[in-house]
Amino acid sequence: MAASGLDPLTEEQTKQGNHEHIVHLMEFCFKILETIKQFNTYTFGTKFTMKIGFNYGPVTDGIIGQNKVLYDIWGDTVNLSSRMMSTGVVGRIQLPAAVVPHLVDYFKCLNEAR
């Protein structure tokens, strides 16, 4: 899982209509898919695959655990992203329609409702 915009400065910029961190996160997703494709090309017999669920919205974050301390995020935004990934297509980035307006000026977003 990857997240962006969790710091107070970026959160304030997002409230003011600056969604640059979402664009950067999508670029990261494309880079991961390309890296996996290159890795599979240059290694013998490897066939790694990935499905990506992408979403945008508020989350709750915090530290959990006493013996093994972990940072985690929760909420409807995370849950929908997880569902997008689990029901998605291998090698593709799935995102809900509500995210498209923030990315359409930067990426070609296909409308493939299922």
PDB file of N, CA and C in Angstrom:
ATOM      1  N   MET A   1       0.840  -1.164   0.000  1.00  0.00           N
ATOM      2  CA  MET A   1       0.000   0.000   0.000  1.00  0.00           C
ATOM      3  C   MET A   1       0.890   1.232   0.000  1.00  0.00           C
ATOM      4  N   ALA A   2       0.468   2.214  -0.753  1.00  0.00           N
ATOM      5  CA  ALA A   2       1.158   3.506  -0.780  1.00  0.00           C
ATOM      6  C   ALA A   2       0.126   4.596  -0.561  1.00  0.00           C
ATOM      7  N   ALA A   3       0.536   5.670   0.072  1.00  0.00           N
ATOM      8  CA  ALA A   3      -0.367   6.794   0.327  1.00  0.00           C
ATOM      9  C   ALA A   3       0.402   8.090   0.143  1.00  0.00           C
ATOM     10  N   SER A   4      -0.324   9.147  -0.193  1.00  0.00           N
ATOM     11  CA  SER A   4       0.299  10.463  -0.296  1.00  0.00           C
ATOM     12  C   SER A   4      -0.638  11.492   0.310  1.00  0.00           C
ATOM     13  N   GLY A   5      -0.097  12.649   0.617  1.00  0.00           N
ATOM     14  CA  GLY A   5      -0.917  13.729   1.129  1.00  0.00           C
ATOM     15  C   GLY A   5      -1.285  13.615   2.583  1.00  0.00           C
ATOM     16  N   LEU A   6      -0.553  12.831   3.359  1.00  0.00           N
ATOM     17  CA  LEU A   6      -0.896  12.632   4.762  1.00  0.00           C
ATOM     18  C   LEU A   6      -0.336  13.718   5.672  1.00  0.00           C
ATOM     19  N   ASP A   7       0.564  14.535   5.175  1.00  0.00           N
ATOM     20  CA  ASP A   7       1.135  15.576   6.009  1.00  0.00           C
ATOM     21  C   ASP A   7       0.222  16.808   6.012  1.00  0.00           C
ATOM     22  N   PRO A   8       0.267  17.613   7.063  1.00  0.00           N
ATOM     23  CA  PRO A   8      -0.648  18.758   7.186  1.00  0.00           C
ATOM     24  C   PRO A   8      -0.549  19.768   6.044  1.00  0.00           C
ATOM     25  N   LEU A   9       0.651  20.032   5.528  1.00  0.00           N
ATOM     26  CA  LEU A   9       0.817  20.999   4.445  1.00  0.00           C
ATOM     27  C   LEU A   9       0.097  20.536   3.175  1.00  0.00           C
ATOM     28  N   THR A  10       0.323  19.283   2.789  1.00  0.00           N
ATOM     29  CA  THR A  10      -0.326  18.749   1.588  1.00  0.00           C
ATOM     30  C   THR A  10      -1.831  18.655   1.793  1.00  0.00           C
ATOM     31  N   GLU A  11      -2.256  18.310   2.983  1.00  0.00           N
ATOM     32  CA  GLU A  11      -3.685  18.249   3.277  1.00  0.00           C
ATOM     33  C   GLU A  11      -4.337  19.617   3.078  1.00  0.00           C
ATOM     34  N   GLU A  12      -3.672  20.669   3.527  1.00  0.00           N
ATOM     35  CA  GLU A  12      -4.194  22.024   3.355  1.00  0.00           C
ATOM     36  C   GLU A  12      -4.205  22.417   1.875  1.00  0.00           C
ATOM     37  N   GLN A  13      -3.153  22.062   1.133  1.00  0.00           N
ATOM     38  CA  GLN A  13      -3.101  22.357  -0.299  1.00  0.00           C
ATOM     39  C   GLN A  13      -4.232  21.653  -1.037  1.00  0.00           C
ATOM     40  N   THR A  14      -4.551  20.416  -0.637  1.00  0.00           N
ATOM     41  CA  THR A  14      -5.639  19.665  -1.266  1.00  0.00           C
ATOM     42  C   THR A  14      -6.973  20.364  -1.014  1.00  0.00           C
ATOM     43  N   LYS A  15      -7.176  20.856   0.187  1.00  0.00           N
ATOM     44  CA  LYS A  15      -8.408  21.582   0.498  1.00  0.00           C
ATOM     45  C   LYS A  15      -8.562  22.818  -0.380  1.00  0.00           C
ATOM     46  N   GLN A  16      -7.433  23.383  -0.815  1.00  0.00           N
ATOM     47  CA  GLN A  16      -7.450  24.570  -1.665  1.00  0.00           C
ATOM     48  C   GLN A  16      -7.476  24.221  -3.151  1.00  0.00           C
ATOM     49  N   GLY A  17      -7.631  22.929  -3.474  1.00  0.00           N
ATOM     50  CA  GLY A  17      -7.764  22.500  -4.864  1.00  0.00           C
ATOM     51  C   GLY A  17      -6.495  22.025  -5.539  1.00  0.00           C
ATOM     52  N   ASN A  18      -5.391  21.959  -4.817  1.00  0.00           N
ATOM     53  CA  ASN A  18      -4.139  21.469  -5.383  1.00  0.00           C
ATOM     54  C   ASN A  18      -4.062  19.958  -5.160  1.00  0.00           C
ATOM     55  N   HIS A  19      -4.193  19.201  -6.250  1.00  0.00           N
ATOM     56  CA  HIS A  19      -4.182  17.737  -6.159  1.00  0.00           C
ATOM     57  C   HIS A  19      -2.895  17.138  -6.754  1.00  0.00           C
ATOM     58  N   GLU A  20      -1.829  17.906  -6.697  1.00  0.00           N
ATOM     59  CA  GLU A  20      -0.562  17.474  -7.288  1.00  0.00           C
ATOM     60  C   GLU A  20      -0.069  16.153  -6.702  1.00  0.00           C
ATOM     61  N   HIS A  21      -0.260  15.923  -5.417  1.00  0.00           N
ATOM     62  CA  HIS A  21       0.228  14.692  -4.792  1.00  0.00           C
ATOM     63  C   HIS A  21      -0.508  13.470  -5.357  1.00  0.00           C
ATOM     64  N   ILE A  22      -1.747  13.632  -5.777  1.00  0.00           N
ATOM     65  CA  ILE A  22      -2.493  12.523  -6.373  1.00  0.00           C
ATOM     66  C   ILE A  22      -1.880  12.170  -7.728  1.00  0.00           C
ATOM     67  N   VAL A  23      -1.500  13.185  -8.484  1.00  0.00           N
ATOM     68  CA  VAL A  23      -0.853  12.971  -9.782  1.00  0.00           C
ATOM     69  C   VAL A  23       0.471  12.236  -9.588  1.00  0.00           C
ATOM     70  N   HIS A  24       1.239  12.650  -8.595  1.00  0.00           N
ATOM     71  CA  HIS A  24       2.524  11.985  -8.323  1.00  0.00           C
ATOM     72  C   HIS A  24       2.326  10.532  -7.903  1.00  0.00           C
ATOM     73  N   LEU A  25       1.297  10.268  -7.119  1.00  0.00           N
ATOM     74  CA  LEU A  25       1.029   8.890  -6.713  1.00  0.00           C
ATOM     75  C   LEU A  25       0.635   8.033  -7.915  1.00  0.00           C
ATOM     76  N   MET A  26      -0.143   8.593  -8.839  1.00  0.00           N
ATOM     77  CA  MET A  26      -0.499   7.849 -10.048  1.00  0.00           C
ATOM     78  C   MET A  26       0.741   7.589 -10.909  1.00  0.00           C
ATOM     79  N   GLU A  27       1.622   8.554 -11.013  1.00  0.00           N
ATOM     80  CA  GLU A  27       2.881   8.346 -11.745  1.00  0.00           C
ATOM     81  C   GLU A  27       3.670   7.197 -11.114  1.00  0.00           C
ATOM     82  N   PHE A  28       3.682   7.142  -9.788  1.00  0.00           N
ATOM     83  CA  PHE A  28       4.345   6.062  -9.062  1.00  0.00           C
ATOM     84  C   PHE A  28       3.726   4.711  -9.425  1.00  0.00           C
ATOM     85  N   CYS A  29       2.396   4.656  -9.513  1.00  0.00           N
ATOM     86  CA  CYS A  29       1.710   3.407  -9.882  1.00  0.00           C
ATOM     87  C   CYS A  29       2.139   2.940 -11.268  1.00  0.00           C
ATOM     88  N   PHE A  30       2.180   3.855 -12.226  1.00  0.00           N
ATOM     89  CA  PHE A  30       2.609   3.494 -13.578  1.00  0.00           C
ATOM     90  C   PHE A  30       4.058   3.010 -13.582  1.00  0.00           C
ATOM     91  N   LYS A  31       4.900   3.658 -12.782  1.00  0.00           N
ATOM     92  CA  LYS A  31       6.309   3.268 -12.707  1.00  0.00           C
ATOM     93  C   LYS A  31       6.453   1.859 -12.124  1.00  0.00           C
ATOM     94  N   ILE A  32       5.657   1.523 -11.128  1.00  0.00           N
ATOM     95  CA  ILE A  32       5.703   0.176 -10.554  1.00  0.00           C
ATOM     96  C   ILE A  32       5.330  -0.860 -11.611  1.00  0.00           C
ATOM     97  N   LEU A  33       4.255  -0.615 -12.361  1.00  0.00           N
ATOM     98  CA  LEU A  33       3.839  -1.570 -13.399  1.00  0.00           C
ATOM     99  C   LEU A  33       4.916  -1.724 -14.470  1.00  0.00           C
ATOM    100  N   GLU A  34       5.543  -0.617 -14.851  1.00  0.00           N
ATOM    101  CA  GLU A  34       6.610  -0.675 -15.854  1.00  0.00           C
ATOM    102  C   GLU A  34       7.833  -1.421 -15.314  1.00  0.00           C
ATOM    103  N   THR A  35       8.173  -1.210 -14.058  1.00  0.00           N
ATOM    104  CA  THR A  35       9.313  -1.891 -13.448  1.00  0.00           C
ATOM    105  C   THR A  35       9.085  -3.400 -13.392  1.00  0.00           C
ATOM    106  N   ILE A  36       7.882  -3.814 -13.048  1.00  0.00           N
ATOM    107  CA  ILE A  36       7.567  -5.245 -13.022  1.00  0.00           C
ATOM    108  C   ILE A  36       7.680  -5.843 -14.415  1.00  0.00           C
ATOM    109  N   LYS A  37       7.192  -5.129 -15.413  1.00  0.00           N
ATOM    110  CA  LYS A  37       7.283  -5.609 -16.801  1.00  0.00           C
ATOM    111  C   LYS A  37       8.746  -5.763 -17.226  1.00  0.00           C
ATOM    112  N   GLN A  38       9.581  -4.776 -16.904  1.00  0.00           N
ATOM    113  CA  GLN A  38      11.008  -4.858 -17.233  1.00  0.00           C
ATOM    114  C   GLN A  38      11.688  -5.986 -16.473  1.00  0.00           C
ATOM    115  N   PHE A  39      11.377  -6.144 -15.205  1.00  0.00           N
ATOM    116  CA  PHE A  39      11.956  -7.214 -14.403  1.00  0.00           C
ATOM    117  C   PHE A  39      11.641  -8.569 -15.017  1.00  0.00           C
ATOM    118  N   ASN A  40      10.388  -8.772 -15.421  1.00  0.00           N
ATOM    119  CA  ASN A  40       9.992 -10.041 -16.030  1.00  0.00           C
ATOM    120  C   ASN A  40      10.699 -10.273 -17.358  1.00  0.00           C
ATOM    121  N   THR A  41      10.979  -9.210 -18.088  1.00  0.00           N
ATOM    122  CA  THR A  41      11.658  -9.316 -19.386  1.00  0.00           C
ATOM    123  C   THR A  41      13.109  -9.761 -19.226  1.00  0.00           C
ATOM    124  N   TYR A  42      13.768  -9.268 -18.184  1.00  0.00           N
ATOM    125  CA  TYR A  42      15.196  -9.514 -18.028  1.00  0.00           C
ATOM    126  C   TYR A  42      15.548 -10.633 -17.053  1.00  0.00           C
ATOM    127  N   THR A  43      14.554 -11.315 -16.528  1.00  0.00           N
ATOM    128  CA  THR A  43      14.838 -12.452 -15.657  1.00  0.00           C
ATOM    129  C   THR A  43      14.235 -13.708 -16.264  1.00  0.00           C
ATOM    130  N   PHE A  44      14.934 -14.801 -16.125  1.00  0.00           N
ATOM    131  CA  PHE A  44      14.518 -16.059 -16.741  1.00  0.00           C
ATOM    132  C   PHE A  44      13.373 -16.692 -15.969  1.00  0.00           C
ATOM    133  N   GLY A  45      12.246 -16.884 -16.632  1.00  0.00           N
ATOM    134  CA  GLY A  45      11.139 -17.628 -16.055  1.00  0.00           C
ATOM    135  C   GLY A  45      10.322 -16.903 -15.004  1.00  0.00           C
ATOM    136  N   THR A  46      10.519 -15.597 -14.867  1.00  0.00           N
ATOM    137  CA  THR A  46       9.774 -14.856 -13.852  1.00  0.00           C
ATOM    138  C   THR A  46       8.508 -14.273 -14.469  1.00  0.00           C
ATOM    139  N   LYS A  47       7.426 -14.360 -13.740  1.00  0.00           N
ATOM    140  CA  LYS A  47       6.158 -13.817 -14.226  1.00  0.00           C
ATOM    141  C   LYS A  47       5.419 -13.141 -13.069  1.00  0.00           C
ATOM    142  N   PHE A  48       6.037 -12.074 -12.534  1.00  0.00           N
ATOM    143  CA  PHE A  48       5.366 -11.310 -11.492  1.00  0.00           C
ATOM    144  C   PHE A  48       4.239 -10.506 -12.108  1.00  0.00           C
ATOM    145  N   THR A  49       3.141 -10.367 -11.371  1.00  0.00           N
ATOM    146  CA  THR A  49       2.016  -9.541 -11.811  1.00  0.00           C
ATOM    147  C   THR A  49       1.564  -8.660 -10.655  1.00  0.00           C
ATOM    148  N   MET A  50       0.786  -7.633 -11.008  1.00  0.00           N
ATOM    149  CA  MET A  50       0.284  -6.741  -9.973  1.00  0.00           C
ATOM    150  C   MET A  50      -1.032  -6.129 -10.424  1.00  0.00           C
ATOM    151  N   LYS A  51      -1.937  -5.968  -9.471  1.00  0.00           N
ATOM    152  CA  LYS A  51      -3.168  -5.206  -9.662  1.00  0.00           C
ATOM    153  C   LYS A  51      -3.090  -4.032  -8.702  1.00  0.00           C
ATOM    154  N   ILE A  52      -3.514  -2.862  -9.167  1.00  0.00           N
ATOM    155  CA  ILE A  52      -3.445  -1.677  -8.321  1.00  0.00           C
ATOM    156  C   ILE A  52      -4.834  -1.075  -8.161  1.00  0.00           C
ATOM    157  N   GLY A  53      -5.217  -0.840  -6.918  1.00  0.00           N
ATOM    158  CA  GLY A  53      -6.434  -0.104  -6.600  1.00  0.00           C
ATOM    159  C   GLY A  53      -6.048   1.277  -6.119  1.00  0.00           C
ATOM    160  N   PHE A  54      -6.632   2.295  -6.709  1.00  0.00           N
ATOM    161  CA  PHE A  54      -6.256   3.685  -6.445  1.00  0.00           C
ATOM    162  C   PHE A  54      -7.491   4.434  -5.961  1.00  0.00           C
ATOM    163  N   ASN A  55      -7.349   5.215  -4.911  1.00  0.00           N
ATOM    164  CA  ASN A  55      -8.465   6.023  -4.431  1.00  0.00           C
ATOM    165  C   ASN A  55      -7.932   7.282  -3.782  1.00  0.00           C
ATOM    166  N   TYR A  56      -8.818   8.219  -3.538  1.00  0.00           N
ATOM    167  CA  TYR A  56      -8.475   9.515  -2.982  1.00  0.00           C
ATOM    168  C   TYR A  56      -9.514   9.899  -1.938  1.00  0.00           C
ATOM    169  N   GLY A  57      -9.064  10.357  -0.785  1.00  0.00           N
ATOM    170  CA  GLY A  57      -9.994  10.789   0.238  1.00  0.00           C
ATOM    171  C   GLY A  57      -9.383  10.753   1.621  1.00  0.00           C
ATOM    172  N   PRO A  58     -10.201  11.048   2.614  1.00  0.00           N
ATOM    173  CA  PRO A  58      -9.700  11.110   3.994  1.00  0.00           C
ATOM    174  C   PRO A  58      -9.411   9.719   4.555  1.00  0.00           C
ATOM    175  N   VAL A  59      -8.422   9.658   5.425  1.00  0.00           N
ATOM    176  CA  VAL A  59      -8.077   8.408   6.114  1.00  0.00           C
ATOM    177  C   VAL A  59      -7.822   8.715   7.582  1.00  0.00           C
ATOM    178  N   THR A  60      -7.872   7.667   8.372  1.00  0.00           N
ATOM    179  CA  THR A  60      -7.442   7.737   9.760  1.00  0.00           C
ATOM    180  C   THR A  60      -6.120   6.996   9.827  1.00  0.00           C
ATOM    181  N   ASP A  61      -5.157   7.550  10.517  1.00  0.00           N
ATOM    182  CA  ASP A  61      -3.855   6.892  10.602  1.00  0.00           C
ATOM    183  C   ASP A  61      -3.423   6.802  12.051  1.00  0.00           C
ATOM    184  N   GLY A  62      -2.477   5.900  12.296  1.00  0.00           N
ATOM    185  CA  GLY A  62      -1.979   5.760  13.652  1.00  0.00           C
ATOM    186  C   GLY A  62      -0.966   4.649  13.791  1.00  0.00           C
ATOM    187  N   ILE A  63      -0.438   4.561  14.972  1.00  0.00           N
ATOM    188  CA  ILE A  63       0.536   3.535  15.338  1.00  0.00           C
ATOM    189  C   ILE A  63      -0.220   2.424  16.056  1.00  0.00           C
ATOM    190  N   ILE A  64       0.033   1.180  15.651  1.00  0.00           N
ATOM    191  CA  ILE A  64      -0.602   0.036  16.307  1.00  0.00           C
ATOM    192  C   ILE A  64       0.472  -0.932  16.784  1.00  0.00           C
ATOM    193  N   GLY A  65       0.124  -1.729  17.783  1.00  0.00           N
ATOM    194  CA  GLY A  65       1.027  -2.770  18.274  1.00  0.00           C
ATOM    195  C   GLY A  65       1.821  -2.312  19.486  1.00  0.00           C
ATOM    196  N   GLN A  66       2.216  -3.321  20.289  1.00  0.00           N
ATOM    197  CA  GLN A  66       3.056  -3.045  21.455  1.00  0.00           C
ATOM    198  C   GLN A  66       4.437  -3.653  21.277  1.00  0.00           C
ATOM    199  N   ASN A  67       4.488  -4.884  20.778  1.00  0.00           N
ATOM    200  CA  ASN A  67       5.773  -5.545  20.565  1.00  0.00           C
ATOM    201  C   ASN A  67       6.334  -5.257  19.180  1.00  0.00           C
ATOM    202  N   LYS A  68       5.462  -5.251  18.197  1.00  0.00           N
ATOM    203  CA  LYS A  68       5.865  -4.948  16.827  1.00  0.00           C
ATOM    204  C   LYS A  68       5.058  -3.722  16.399  1.00  0.00           C
ATOM    205  N   VAL A  69       5.662  -2.568  16.533  1.00  0.00           N
ATOM    206  CA  VAL A  69       4.977  -1.310  16.282  1.00  0.00           C
ATOM    207  C   VAL A  69       4.898  -1.053  14.773  1.00  0.00           C
ATOM    208  N   LEU A  70       3.688  -0.725  14.317  1.00  0.00           N
ATOM    209  CA  LEU A  70       3.458  -0.473  12.892  1.00  0.00           C
ATOM    210  C   LEU A  70       2.660   0.806  12.698  1.00  0.00           C
ATOM    211  N   TYR A  71       2.916   1.483  11.603  1.00  0.00           N
ATOM    212  CA  TYR A  71       2.099   2.629  11.199  1.00  0.00           C
ATOM    213  C   TYR A  71       1.085   2.110  10.186  1.00  0.00           C
ATOM    214  N   ASP A  72      -0.179   2.502  10.308  1.00  0.00           N
ATOM    215  CA  ASP A  72      -1.215   2.001   9.409  1.00  0.00           C
ATOM    216  C   ASP A  72      -2.238   3.094   9.139  1.00  0.00           C
ATOM    217  N   ILE A  73      -2.999   2.922   8.057  1.00  0.00           N
ATOM    218  CA  ILE A  73      -4.092   3.832   7.730  1.00  0.00           C
ATOM    219  C   ILE A  73      -5.365   3.022   7.543  1.00  0.00           C
ATOM    220  N   TRP A  74      -6.514   3.639   7.895  1.00  0.00           N
ATOM    221  CA  TRP A  74      -7.802   2.963   7.826  1.00  0.00           C
ATOM    222  C   TRP A  74      -8.836   3.912   7.246  1.00  0.00           C
ATOM    223  N   GLY A  75      -9.997   3.357   6.947  1.00  0.00           N
ATOM    224  CA  GLY A  75     -11.145   4.173   6.565  1.00  0.00           C
ATOM    225  C   GLY A  75     -11.760   3.745   5.250  1.00  0.00           C
ATOM    226  N   ASP A  76     -12.845   4.409   4.885  1.00  0.00           N
ATOM    227  CA  ASP A  76     -13.557   4.078   3.651  1.00  0.00           C
ATOM    228  C   ASP A  76     -12.679   4.252   2.414  1.00  0.00           C
ATOM    229  N   THR A  77     -11.813   5.259   2.420  1.00  0.00           N
ATOM    230  CA  THR A  77     -10.914   5.479   1.287  1.00  0.00           C
ATOM    231  C   THR A  77     -10.003   4.270   1.078  1.00  0.00           C
ATOM    232  N   VAL A  78      -9.438   3.764   2.150  1.00  0.00           N
ATOM    233  CA  VAL A  78      -8.560   2.596   2.088  1.00  0.00           C
ATOM    234  C   VAL A  78      -9.358   1.354   1.693  1.00  0.00           C
ATOM    235  N   ASN A  79     -10.533   1.187   2.273  1.00  0.00           N
ATOM    236  CA  ASN A  79     -11.363   0.018   1.959  1.00  0.00           C
ATOM    237  C   ASN A  79     -11.756  -0.023   0.484  1.00  0.00           C
ATOM    238  N   LEU A  80     -12.161   1.128  -0.080  1.00  0.00           N
ATOM    239  CA  LEU A  80     -12.537   1.146  -1.494  1.00  0.00           C
ATOM    240  C   LEU A  80     -11.332   0.867  -2.380  1.00  0.00           C
ATOM    241  N   SER A  81     -10.184   1.422  -2.033  1.00  0.00           N
ATOM    242  CA  SER A  81      -8.959   1.150  -2.789  1.00  0.00           C
ATOM    243  C   SER A  81      -8.635  -0.341  -2.773  1.00  0.00           C
ATOM    244  N   SER A  82      -8.798  -0.965  -1.621  1.00  0.00           N
ATOM    245  CA  SER A  82      -8.560  -2.401  -1.501  1.00  0.00           C
ATOM    246  C   SER A  82      -9.522  -3.200  -2.374  1.00  0.00           C
ATOM    247  N   ARG A  83     -10.783  -2.789  -2.397  1.00  0.00           N
ATOM    248  CA  ARG A  83     -11.774  -3.481  -3.237  1.00  0.00           C
ATOM    249  C   ARG A  83     -11.461  -3.300  -4.720  1.00  0.00           C
ATOM    250  N   MET A  84     -11.015  -2.095  -5.073  1.00  0.00           N
ATOM    251  CA  MET A  84     -10.649  -1.831  -6.475  1.00  0.00           C
ATOM    252  C   MET A  84      -9.513  -2.765  -6.890  1.00  0.00           C
ATOM    253  N   MET A  85      -8.559  -2.966  -5.995  1.00  0.00           N
ATOM    254  CA  MET A  85      -7.437  -3.854  -6.293  1.00  0.00           C
ATOM    255  C   MET A  85      -7.895  -5.309  -6.371  1.00  0.00           C
ATOM    256  N   SER A  86      -8.648  -5.765  -5.391  1.00  0.00           N
ATOM    257  CA  SER A  86      -8.991  -7.184  -5.332  1.00  0.00           C
ATOM    258  C   SER A  86      -9.922  -7.615  -6.468  1.00  0.00           C
ATOM    259  N   THR A  87     -10.735  -6.715  -6.980  1.00  0.00           N
ATOM    260  CA  THR A  87     -11.638  -7.065  -8.080  1.00  0.00           C
ATOM    261  C   THR A  87     -11.110  -6.572  -9.423  1.00  0.00           C
ATOM    262  N   GLY A  88      -9.906  -6.046  -9.425  1.00  0.00           N
ATOM    263  CA  GLY A  88      -9.345  -5.436 -10.627  1.00  0.00           C
ATOM    264  C   GLY A  88      -8.734  -6.414 -11.595  1.00  0.00           C
ATOM    265  N   VAL A  89      -8.131  -5.839 -12.611  1.00  0.00           N
ATOM    266  CA  VAL A  89      -7.515  -6.584 -13.702  1.00  0.00           C
ATOM    267  C   VAL A  89      -5.996  -6.547 -13.516  1.00  0.00           C
ATOM    268  N   VAL A  90      -5.353  -7.684 -13.685  1.00  0.00           N
ATOM    269  CA  VAL A  90      -3.897  -7.759 -13.563  1.00  0.00           C
ATOM    270  C   VAL A  90      -3.247  -6.817 -14.577  1.00  0.00           C
ATOM    271  N   GLY A  91      -2.268  -6.062 -14.095  1.00  0.00           N
ATOM    272  CA  GLY A  91      -1.535  -5.154 -14.962  1.00  0.00           C
ATOM    273  C   GLY A  91      -2.228  -3.824 -15.192  1.00  0.00           C
ATOM    274  N   ARG A  92      -3.318  -3.560 -14.482  1.00  0.00           N
ATOM    275  CA  ARG A  92      -4.071  -2.320 -14.672  1.00  0.00           C
ATOM    276  C   ARG A  92      -4.216  -1.590 -13.340  1.00  0.00           C
ATOM    277  N   ILE A  93      -4.534  -0.316 -13.430  1.00  0.00           N
ATOM    278  CA  ILE A  93      -4.802   0.510 -12.263  1.00  0.00           C
ATOM    279  C   ILE A  93      -6.297   0.793 -12.254  1.00  0.00           C
ATOM    280  N   GLN A  94      -6.972   0.332 -11.225  1.00  0.00           N
ATOM    281  CA  GLN A  94      -8.410   0.545 -11.106  1.00  0.00           C
ATOM    282  C   GLN A  94      -8.656   1.719 -10.164  1.00  0.00           C
ATOM    283  N   LEU A  95      -9.561   2.621 -10.560  1.00  0.00           N
ATOM    284  CA  LEU A  95      -9.898   3.742  -9.709  1.00  0.00           C
ATOM    285  C   LEU A  95     -11.375   4.063  -9.836  1.00  0.00           C
ATOM    286  N   PRO A  96     -11.978   4.572  -8.772  1.00  0.00           N
ATOM    287  CA  PRO A  96     -13.390   4.926  -8.834  1.00  0.00           C
ATOM    288  C   PRO A  96     -13.594   6.188  -9.671  1.00  0.00           C
ATOM    289  N   ALA A  97     -14.801   6.353 -10.186  1.00  0.00           N
ATOM    290  CA  ALA A  97     -15.122   7.485 -11.056  1.00  0.00           C
ATOM    291  C   ALA A  97     -14.876   8.825 -10.365  1.00  0.00           C
ATOM    292  N   ALA A  98     -15.024   8.891  -9.057  1.00  0.00           N
ATOM    293  CA  ALA A  98     -14.837  10.147  -8.331  1.00  0.00           C
ATOM    294  C   ALA A  98     -13.400  10.667  -8.395  1.00  0.00           C
ATOM    295  N   VAL A  99     -12.450   9.806  -8.695  1.00  0.00           N
ATOM    296  CA  VAL A  99     -11.043  10.204  -8.745  1.00  0.00           C
ATOM    297  C   VAL A  99     -10.678  10.752 -10.127  1.00  0.00           C
ATOM    298  N   VAL A 100     -11.386  10.334 -11.154  1.00  0.00           N
ATOM    299  CA  VAL A 100     -11.059  10.693 -12.539  1.00  0.00           C
ATOM    300  C   VAL A 100     -10.937  12.198 -12.756  1.00  0.00           C
ATOM    301  N   PRO A 101     -11.850  13.044 -12.252  1.00  0.00           N
ATOM    302  CA  PRO A 101     -11.703  14.485 -12.509  1.00  0.00           C
ATOM    303  C   PRO A 101     -10.374  15.083 -12.036  1.00  0.00           C
ATOM    304  N   HIS A 102      -9.748  14.479 -11.034  1.00  0.00           N
ATOM    305  CA  HIS A 102      -8.476  14.987 -10.522  1.00  0.00           C
ATOM    306  C   HIS A 102      -7.287  14.535 -11.363  1.00  0.00           C
ATOM    307  N   LEU A 103      -7.496  13.548 -12.233  1.00  0.00           N
ATOM    308  CA  LEU A 103      -6.389  12.969 -13.009  1.00  0.00           C
ATOM    309  C   LEU A 103      -6.544  13.124 -14.517  1.00  0.00           C
ATOM    310  N   VAL A 104      -7.736  13.437 -14.987  1.00  0.00           N
ATOM    311  CA  VAL A 104      -8.022  13.403 -16.424  1.00  0.00           C
ATOM    312  C   VAL A 104      -7.161  14.395 -17.224  1.00  0.00           C
ATOM    313  N   ASP A 105      -6.718  15.471 -16.624  1.00  0.00           N
ATOM    314  CA  ASP A 105      -5.857  16.430 -17.334  1.00  0.00           C
ATOM    315  C   ASP A 105      -4.426  15.922 -17.479  1.00  0.00           C
ATOM    316  N   TYR A 106      -4.076  14.870 -16.759  1.00  0.00           N
ATOM    317  CA  TYR A 106      -2.708  14.359 -16.749  1.00  0.00           C
ATOM    318  C   TYR A 106      -2.568  12.971 -17.365  1.00  0.00           C
ATOM    319  N   PHE A 107      -3.647  12.180 -17.342  1.00  0.00           N
ATOM    320  CA  PHE A 107      -3.587  10.807 -17.789  1.00  0.00           C
ATOM    321  C   PHE A 107      -4.819  10.477 -18.619  1.00  0.00           C
ATOM    322  N   LYS A 108      -4.677   9.504 -19.482  1.00  0.00           N
ATOM    323  CA  LYS A 108      -5.816   8.992 -20.221  1.00  0.00           C
ATOM    324  C   LYS A 108      -6.553   8.005 -19.312  1.00  0.00           C
ATOM    325  N   CYS A 109      -7.773   8.342 -18.931  1.00  0.00           N
ATOM    326  CA  CYS A 109      -8.563   7.498 -18.041  1.00  0.00           C
ATOM    327  C   CYS A 109      -9.660   6.832 -18.855  1.00  0.00           C
ATOM    328  N   LEU A 110      -9.629   5.521 -18.903  1.00  0.00           N
ATOM    329  CA  LEU A 110     -10.634   4.781 -19.653  1.00  0.00           C
ATOM    330  C   LEU A 110     -11.857   4.555 -18.789  1.00  0.00           C
ATOM    331  N   ASN A 111     -13.026   4.666 -19.377  1.00  0.00           N
ATOM    332  CA  ASN A 111     -14.257   4.407 -18.661  1.00  0.00           C
ATOM    333  C   ASN A 111     -14.677   2.969 -18.966  1.00  0.00           C
ATOM    334  N   GLU A 112     -14.340   2.078 -18.070  1.00  0.00           N
ATOM    335  CA  GLU A 112     -14.661   0.657 -18.263  1.00  0.00           C
ATOM    336  C   GLU A 112     -15.462   0.145 -17.084  1.00  0.00           C
ATOM    337  N   ALA A 113     -16.643   0.675 -16.916  1.00  0.00           N
ATOM    338  CA  ALA A 113     -17.483   0.236 -15.796  1.00  0.00           C
ATOM    339  C   ALA A 113     -17.827  -1.242 -15.959  1.00  0.00           C
ATOM    340  N   ARG A 114     -17.717  -1.967 -14.813  1.00  0.00           N
ATOM    341  CA  ARG A 114     -18.048  -3.381 -14.851  1.00  0.00           C
ATOM    342  C   ARG A 114     -19.169  -3.649 -13.908  1.00  0.00           C
TER     343      ARG A 114
END
